[in-house]
């Protein structure tokens, strides 16, 4: 697993619709140590949002929630 404090998909213009879409970006990511997650510039559907929320429930050190930049 990759251990890092900031996880960013900023400005990648991704269209995350399913659990599988989220899983492929987080598969090697250690959510236990993340402090900031940046998701701006992407589209996130309902199923993908639920999958992301399930992963983030395990983030014990999260200081800055998902950041959307317009």
PDB file of N, CA and C in Angstrom:
ATOM      1  N   UNK A   1       0.821  -1.184   0.000  1.00  0.00           N
ATOM      2  CA  UNK A   1       0.000   0.000   0.000  1.00  0.00           C
ATOM      3  C   UNK A   1       0.874   1.260   0.000  1.00  0.00           C
ATOM      4  N   UNK A   2       0.404   2.286  -0.653  1.00  0.00           N
ATOM      5  CA  UNK A   2       1.097   3.558  -0.685  1.00  0.00           C
ATOM      6  C   UNK A   2       0.651   4.365   0.524  1.00  0.00           C
ATOM      7  N   UNK A   3       1.614   4.838   1.312  1.00  0.00           N
ATOM      8  CA  UNK A   3       1.287   5.638   2.486  1.00  0.00           C
ATOM      9  C   UNK A   3       1.601   7.096   2.184  1.00  0.00           C
ATOM     10  N   UNK A   4       0.575   7.921   2.161  1.00  0.00           N
ATOM     11  CA  UNK A   4       0.765   9.337   1.917  1.00  0.00           C
ATOM     12  C   UNK A   4      -0.277  10.122   2.680  1.00  0.00           C
ATOM     13  N   UNK A   5      -0.004  11.405   2.890  1.00  0.00           N
ATOM     14  CA  UNK A   5      -0.899  12.229   3.692  1.00  0.00           C
ATOM     15  C   UNK A   5      -1.926  12.975   2.853  1.00  0.00           C
ATOM     16  N   UNK A   6      -1.627  13.236   1.584  1.00  0.00           N
ATOM     17  CA  UNK A   6      -2.550  13.945   0.701  1.00  0.00           C
ATOM     18  C   UNK A   6      -2.851  13.059  -0.499  1.00  0.00           C
ATOM     19  N   UNK A   7      -4.126  12.882  -0.779  1.00  0.00           N
ATOM     20  CA  UNK A   7      -4.550  12.129  -1.963  1.00  0.00           C
ATOM     21  C   UNK A   7      -5.288  13.100  -2.864  1.00  0.00           C
ATOM     22  N   UNK A   8      -4.843  13.225  -4.116  1.00  0.00           N
ATOM     23  CA  UNK A   8      -5.458  14.189  -5.011  1.00  0.00           C
ATOM     24  C   UNK A   8      -5.746  13.582  -6.377  1.00  0.00           C
ATOM     25  N   UNK A   9      -6.951  13.830  -6.840  1.00  0.00           N
ATOM     26  CA  UNK A   9      -7.341  13.534  -8.218  1.00  0.00           C
ATOM     27  C   UNK A   9      -7.739  14.844  -8.898  1.00  0.00           C
ATOM     28  N   UNK A  10      -7.229  15.952  -8.389  1.00  0.00           N
ATOM     29  CA  UNK A  10      -7.580  17.298  -8.831  1.00  0.00           C
ATOM     30  C   UNK A  10      -7.394  17.471 -10.336  1.00  0.00           C
ATOM     31  N   UNK A  11      -8.465  17.926 -10.980  1.00  0.00           N
ATOM     32  CA  UNK A  11      -8.418  18.314 -12.377  1.00  0.00           C
ATOM     33  C   UNK A  11      -8.180  17.218 -13.391  1.00  0.00           C
ATOM     34  N   UNK A  12      -8.430  15.983 -13.026  1.00  0.00           N
ATOM     35  CA  UNK A  12      -8.211  14.882 -13.968  1.00  0.00           C
ATOM     36  C   UNK A  12      -9.425  14.615 -14.859  1.00  0.00           C
ATOM     37  N   UNK A  13     -10.478  15.377 -14.685  1.00  0.00           N
ATOM     38  CA  UNK A  13     -11.733  15.237 -15.434  1.00  0.00           C
ATOM     39  C   UNK A  13     -12.218  13.793 -15.517  1.00  0.00           C
ATOM     40  N   UNK A  14     -12.147  13.117 -14.383  1.00  0.00           N
ATOM     41  CA  UNK A  14     -12.611  11.731 -14.300  1.00  0.00           C
ATOM     42  C   UNK A  14     -14.129  11.707 -14.172  1.00  0.00           C
ATOM     43  N   UNK A  15     -14.726  10.648 -14.664  1.00  0.00           N
ATOM     44  CA  UNK A  15     -16.156  10.427 -14.500  1.00  0.00           C
ATOM     45  C   UNK A  15     -16.303   9.148 -13.672  1.00  0.00           C
ATOM     46  N   UNK A  16     -16.378   9.312 -12.358  1.00  0.00           N
ATOM     47  CA  UNK A  16     -16.475   8.190 -11.433  1.00  0.00           C
ATOM     48  C   UNK A  16     -17.949   7.897 -11.190  1.00  0.00           C
ATOM     49  N   UNK A  17     -18.406   6.764 -11.688  1.00  0.00           N
ATOM     50  CA  UNK A  17     -19.827   6.420 -11.563  1.00  0.00           C
ATOM     51  C   UNK A  17     -20.067   5.194 -10.697  1.00  0.00           C
ATOM     52  N   UNK A  18     -19.131   4.266 -10.681  1.00  0.00           N
ATOM     53  CA  UNK A  18     -19.339   2.997  -9.984  1.00  0.00           C
ATOM     54  C   UNK A  18     -18.302   2.784  -8.888  1.00  0.00           C
ATOM     55  N   UNK A  19     -18.560   1.771  -8.069  1.00  0.00           N
ATOM     56  CA  UNK A  19     -17.605   1.364  -7.033  1.00  0.00           C
ATOM     57  C   UNK A  19     -16.271   0.981  -7.672  1.00  0.00           C
ATOM     58  N   UNK A  20     -16.316   0.311  -8.800  1.00  0.00           N
ATOM     59  CA  UNK A  20     -15.085  -0.095  -9.497  1.00  0.00           C
ATOM     60  C   UNK A  20     -14.270   1.114  -9.946  1.00  0.00           C
ATOM     61  N   UNK A  21     -14.953   2.183 -10.359  1.00  0.00           N
ATOM     62  CA  UNK A  21     -14.259   3.408 -10.756  1.00  0.00           C
ATOM     63  C   UNK A  21     -13.466   3.982  -9.587  1.00  0.00           C
ATOM     64  N   UNK A  22     -14.050   3.974  -8.398  1.00  0.00           N
ATOM     65  CA  UNK A  22     -13.378   4.477  -7.203  1.00  0.00           C
ATOM     66  C   UNK A  22     -12.268   3.522  -6.789  1.00  0.00           C
ATOM     67  N   UNK A  23     -12.553   2.232  -6.797  1.00  0.00           N
ATOM     68  CA  UNK A  23     -11.583   1.238  -6.351  1.00  0.00           C
ATOM     69  C   UNK A  23     -10.284   1.287  -7.145  1.00  0.00           C
ATOM     70  N   UNK A  24     -10.359   1.535  -8.442  1.00  0.00           N
ATOM     71  CA  UNK A  24      -9.117   1.527  -9.223  1.00  0.00           C
ATOM     72  C   UNK A  24      -8.204   2.696  -8.868  1.00  0.00           C
ATOM     73  N   UNK A  25      -8.751   3.775  -8.322  1.00  0.00           N
ATOM     74  CA  UNK A  25      -7.913   4.906  -7.917  1.00  0.00           C
ATOM     75  C   UNK A  25      -7.424   4.776  -6.478  1.00  0.00           C
ATOM     76  N   UNK A  26      -8.126   4.011  -5.660  1.00  0.00           N
ATOM     77  CA  UNK A  26      -7.776   3.861  -4.254  1.00  0.00           C
ATOM     78  C   UNK A  26      -7.195   2.488  -3.918  1.00  0.00           C
ATOM     79  N   UNK A  27      -7.033   1.616  -4.899  1.00  0.00           N
ATOM     80  CA  UNK A  27      -6.664   0.223  -4.606  1.00  0.00           C
ATOM     81  C   UNK A  27      -5.346   0.081  -3.837  1.00  0.00           C
ATOM     82  N   UNK A  28      -4.362   0.916  -4.103  1.00  0.00           N
ATOM     83  CA  UNK A  28      -3.075   0.818  -3.416  1.00  0.00           C
ATOM     84  C   UNK A  28      -2.865   1.938  -2.414  1.00  0.00           C
ATOM     85  N   UNK A  29      -3.941   2.612  -2.055  1.00  0.00           N
ATOM     86  CA  UNK A  29      -3.844   3.771  -1.178  1.00  0.00           C
ATOM     87  C   UNK A  29      -4.197   3.412   0.257  1.00  0.00           C
ATOM     88  N   UNK A  30      -3.347   3.831   1.194  1.00  0.00           N
ATOM     89  CA  UNK A  30      -3.558   3.574   2.615  1.00  0.00           C
ATOM     90  C   UNK A  30      -4.395   4.693   3.224  1.00  0.00           C
ATOM     91  N   UNK A  31      -5.681   4.498   3.308  1.00  0.00           N
ATOM     92  CA  UNK A  31      -6.598   5.532   3.797  1.00  0.00           C
ATOM     93  C   UNK A  31      -6.408   5.818   5.287  1.00  0.00           C
ATOM     94  N   UNK A  32      -5.730   4.952   6.011  1.00  0.00           N
ATOM     95  CA  UNK A  32      -5.526   5.151   7.447  1.00  0.00           C
ATOM     96  C   UNK A  32      -4.678   6.381   7.761  1.00  0.00           C
ATOM     97  N   UNK A  33      -3.794   6.775   6.860  1.00  0.00           N
ATOM     98  CA  UNK A  33      -2.883   7.887   7.133  1.00  0.00           C
ATOM     99  C   UNK A  33      -3.203   9.169   6.374  1.00  0.00           C
ATOM    100  N   UNK A  34      -4.253   9.174   5.580  1.00  0.00           N
ATOM    101  CA  UNK A  34      -4.575  10.351   4.782  1.00  0.00           C
ATOM    102  C   UNK A  34      -5.085  11.493   5.665  1.00  0.00           C
ATOM    103  N   UNK A  35      -4.594  12.706   5.379  1.00  0.00           N
ATOM    104  CA  UNK A  35      -5.039  13.891   6.108  1.00  0.00           C
ATOM    105  C   UNK A  35      -5.868  14.818   5.225  1.00  0.00           C
ATOM    106  N   UNK A  36      -5.697  14.720   3.918  1.00  0.00           N
ATOM    107  CA  UNK A  36      -6.418  15.595   3.005  1.00  0.00           C
ATOM    108  C   UNK A  36      -6.738  14.849   1.713  1.00  0.00           C
ATOM    109  N   UNK A  37      -7.952  15.031   1.226  1.00  0.00           N
ATOM    110  CA  UNK A  37      -8.369  14.430  -0.039  1.00  0.00           C
ATOM    111  C   UNK A  37      -8.918  15.543  -0.928  1.00  0.00           C
ATOM    112  N   UNK A  38      -8.391  15.619  -2.147  1.00  0.00           N
ATOM    113  CA  UNK A  38      -8.805  16.664  -3.091  1.00  0.00           C
ATOM    114  C   UNK A  38      -9.379  15.985  -4.329  1.00  0.00           C
ATOM    115  N   UNK A  39     -10.630  16.262  -4.626  1.00  0.00           N
ATOM    116  CA  UNK A  39     -11.315  15.602  -5.736  1.00  0.00           C
ATOM    117  C   UNK A  39     -11.836  16.584  -6.775  1.00  0.00           C
ATOM    118  N   UNK A  40     -11.471  17.852  -6.707  1.00  0.00           N
ATOM    119  CA  UNK A  40     -11.997  18.879  -7.597  1.00  0.00           C
ATOM    120  C   UNK A  40     -11.742  18.592  -9.064  1.00  0.00           C
ATOM    121  N   UNK A  41     -12.686  19.018  -9.907  1.00  0.00           N
ATOM    122  CA  UNK A  41     -12.527  18.868 -11.351  1.00  0.00           C
ATOM    123  C   UNK A  41     -12.910  17.507 -11.891  1.00  0.00           C
ATOM    124  N   UNK A  42     -13.664  16.749 -11.117  1.00  0.00           N
ATOM    125  CA  UNK A  42     -14.109  15.421 -11.521  1.00  0.00           C
ATOM    126  C   UNK A  42     -15.616  15.301 -11.288  1.00  0.00           C
ATOM    127  N   UNK A  43     -16.232  14.334 -11.938  1.00  0.00           N
ATOM    128  CA  UNK A  43     -17.650  14.057 -11.749  1.00  0.00           C
ATOM    129  C   UNK A  43     -17.773  12.780 -10.927  1.00  0.00           C
ATOM    130  N   UNK A  44     -18.592  12.833  -9.869  1.00  0.00           N
ATOM    131  CA  UNK A  44     -18.752  11.673  -8.994  1.00  0.00           C
ATOM    132  C   UNK A  44     -20.229  11.342  -8.893  1.00  0.00           C
ATOM    133  N   UNK A  45     -20.605  10.147  -9.342  1.00  0.00           N
ATOM    134  CA  UNK A  45     -21.984   9.701  -9.302  1.00  0.00           C
ATOM    135  C   UNK A  45     -22.365   9.144  -7.939  1.00  0.00           C
ATOM    136  N   UNK A  46     -23.614   8.747  -7.808  1.00  0.00           N
ATOM    137  CA  UNK A  46     -24.157   8.275  -6.530  1.00  0.00           C
ATOM    138  C   UNK A  46     -23.437   7.023  -6.033  1.00  0.00           C
ATOM    139  N   UNK A  47     -23.335   5.994  -6.867  1.00  0.00           N
ATOM    140  CA  UNK A  47     -22.690   4.751  -6.431  1.00  0.00           C
ATOM    141  C   UNK A  47     -21.226   4.988  -6.062  1.00  0.00           C
ATOM    142  N   UNK A  48     -20.541   5.800  -6.842  1.00  0.00           N
ATOM    143  CA  UNK A  48     -19.137   6.111  -6.557  1.00  0.00           C
ATOM    144  C   UNK A  48     -19.014   6.918  -5.263  1.00  0.00           C
ATOM    145  N   UNK A  49     -19.948   7.817  -5.016  1.00  0.00           N
ATOM    146  CA  UNK A  49     -19.940   8.612  -3.788  1.00  0.00           C
ATOM    147  C   UNK A  49     -20.113   7.727  -2.561  1.00  0.00           C
ATOM    148  N   UNK A  50     -20.997   6.753  -2.660  1.00  0.00           N
ATOM    149  CA  UNK A  50     -21.202   5.820  -1.548  1.00  0.00           C
ATOM    150  C   UNK A  50     -19.943   4.997  -1.295  1.00  0.00           C
ATOM    151  N   UNK A  51     -19.297   4.540  -2.355  1.00  0.00           N
ATOM    152  CA  UNK A  51     -18.063   3.759  -2.214  1.00  0.00           C
ATOM    153  C   UNK A  51     -16.961   4.611  -1.588  1.00  0.00           C
ATOM    154  N   UNK A  52     -16.866   5.848  -2.010  1.00  0.00           N
ATOM    155  CA  UNK A  52     -15.872   6.760  -1.465  1.00  0.00           C
ATOM    156  C   UNK A  52     -16.147   7.036   0.017  1.00  0.00           C
ATOM    157  N   UNK A  53     -17.407   7.239   0.359  1.00  0.00           N
ATOM    158  CA  UNK A  53     -17.785   7.477   1.760  1.00  0.00           C
ATOM    159  C   UNK A  53     -17.436   6.277   2.646  1.00  0.00           C
ATOM    160  N   UNK A  54     -17.649   5.071   2.147  1.00  0.00           N
ATOM    161  CA  UNK A  54     -17.296   3.869   2.912  1.00  0.00           C
ATOM    162  C   UNK A  54     -15.800   3.825   3.187  1.00  0.00           C
ATOM    163  N   UNK A  55     -14.997   4.175   2.191  1.00  0.00           N
ATOM    164  CA  UNK A  55     -13.545   4.192   2.379  1.00  0.00           C
ATOM    165  C   UNK A  55     -13.139   5.269   3.384  1.00  0.00           C
ATOM    166  N   UNK A  56     -13.749   6.440   3.294  1.00  0.00           N
ATOM    167  CA  UNK A  56     -13.357   7.555   4.147  1.00  0.00           C
ATOM    168  C   UNK A  56     -13.780   7.375   5.597  1.00  0.00           C
ATOM    169  N   UNK A  57     -14.737   6.504   5.854  1.00  0.00           N
ATOM    170  CA  UNK A  57     -15.122   6.217   7.234  1.00  0.00           C
ATOM    171  C   UNK A  57     -13.950   5.619   8.006  1.00  0.00           C
ATOM    172  N   UNK A  58     -13.021   5.005   7.307  1.00  0.00           N
ATOM    173  CA  UNK A  58     -11.855   4.372   7.934  1.00  0.00           C
ATOM    174  C   UNK A  58     -10.698   5.350   8.130  1.00  0.00           C
ATOM    175  N   UNK A  59     -10.810   6.556   7.615  1.00  0.00           N
ATOM    176  CA  UNK A  59      -9.743   7.551   7.700  1.00  0.00           C
ATOM    177  C   UNK A  59      -9.756   8.203   9.082  1.00  0.00           C
ATOM    178  N   UNK A  60      -8.850   7.812   9.932  1.00  0.00           N
ATOM    179  CA  UNK A  60      -8.806   8.298  11.316  1.00  0.00           C
ATOM    180  C   UNK A  60      -8.106   9.648  11.447  1.00  0.00           C
ATOM    181  N   UNK A  61      -7.258  10.024  10.469  1.00  0.00           N
ATOM    182  CA  UNK A  61      -6.457  11.242  10.575  1.00  0.00           C
ATOM    183  C   UNK A  61      -6.917  12.332   9.611  1.00  0.00           C
ATOM    184  N   UNK A  62      -8.053  12.159   8.987  1.00  0.00           N
ATOM    185  CA  UNK A  62      -8.539  13.101   7.987  1.00  0.00           C
ATOM    186  C   UNK A  62      -8.803  14.466   8.624  1.00  0.00           C
ATOM    187  N   UNK A  63      -8.152  15.504   8.082  1.00  0.00           N
ATOM    188  CA  UNK A  63      -8.302  16.869   8.609  1.00  0.00           C
ATOM    189  C   UNK A  63      -9.088  17.741   7.643  1.00  0.00           C
ATOM    190  N   UNK A  64      -8.896  17.532   6.361  1.00  0.00           N
ATOM    191  CA  UNK A  64      -9.575  18.322   5.347  1.00  0.00           C
ATOM    192  C   UNK A  64     -10.425  17.365   4.523  1.00  0.00           C
ATOM    193  N   UNK A  65     -11.722  17.573   4.555  1.00  0.00           N
ATOM    194  CA  UNK A  65     -12.616  16.689   3.818  1.00  0.00           C
ATOM    195  C   UNK A  65     -12.467  16.927   2.327  1.00  0.00           C
ATOM    196  N   UNK A  66     -13.175  16.186   1.563  1.00  0.00           N
ATOM    197  CA  UNK A  66     -13.116  16.278   0.106  1.00  0.00           C
ATOM    198  C   UNK A  66     -13.288  17.731  -0.314  1.00  0.00           C
ATOM    199  N   UNK A  67     -12.384  18.200  -1.122  1.00  0.00           N
ATOM    200  CA  UNK A  67     -12.376  19.592  -1.553  1.00  0.00           C
ATOM    201  C   UNK A  67     -12.828  19.689  -2.993  1.00  0.00           C
ATOM    202  N   UNK A  68     -13.862  20.453  -3.245  1.00  0.00           N
ATOM    203  CA  UNK A  68     -14.337  20.683  -4.603  1.00  0.00           C
ATOM    204  C   UNK A  68     -13.947  22.084  -5.014  1.00  0.00           C
ATOM    205  N   UNK A  69     -13.239  22.210  -6.092  1.00  0.00           N
ATOM    206  CA  UNK A  69     -12.860  23.505  -6.622  1.00  0.00           C
ATOM    207  C   UNK A  69     -13.603  23.727  -7.925  1.00  0.00           C
ATOM    208  N   UNK A  70     -14.253  24.856  -8.057  1.00  0.00           N
ATOM    209  CA  UNK A  70     -15.005  25.152  -9.270  1.00  0.00           C
ATOM    210  C   UNK A  70     -14.138  25.840 -10.282  1.00  0.00           C
TER     211      UNK A  70
END
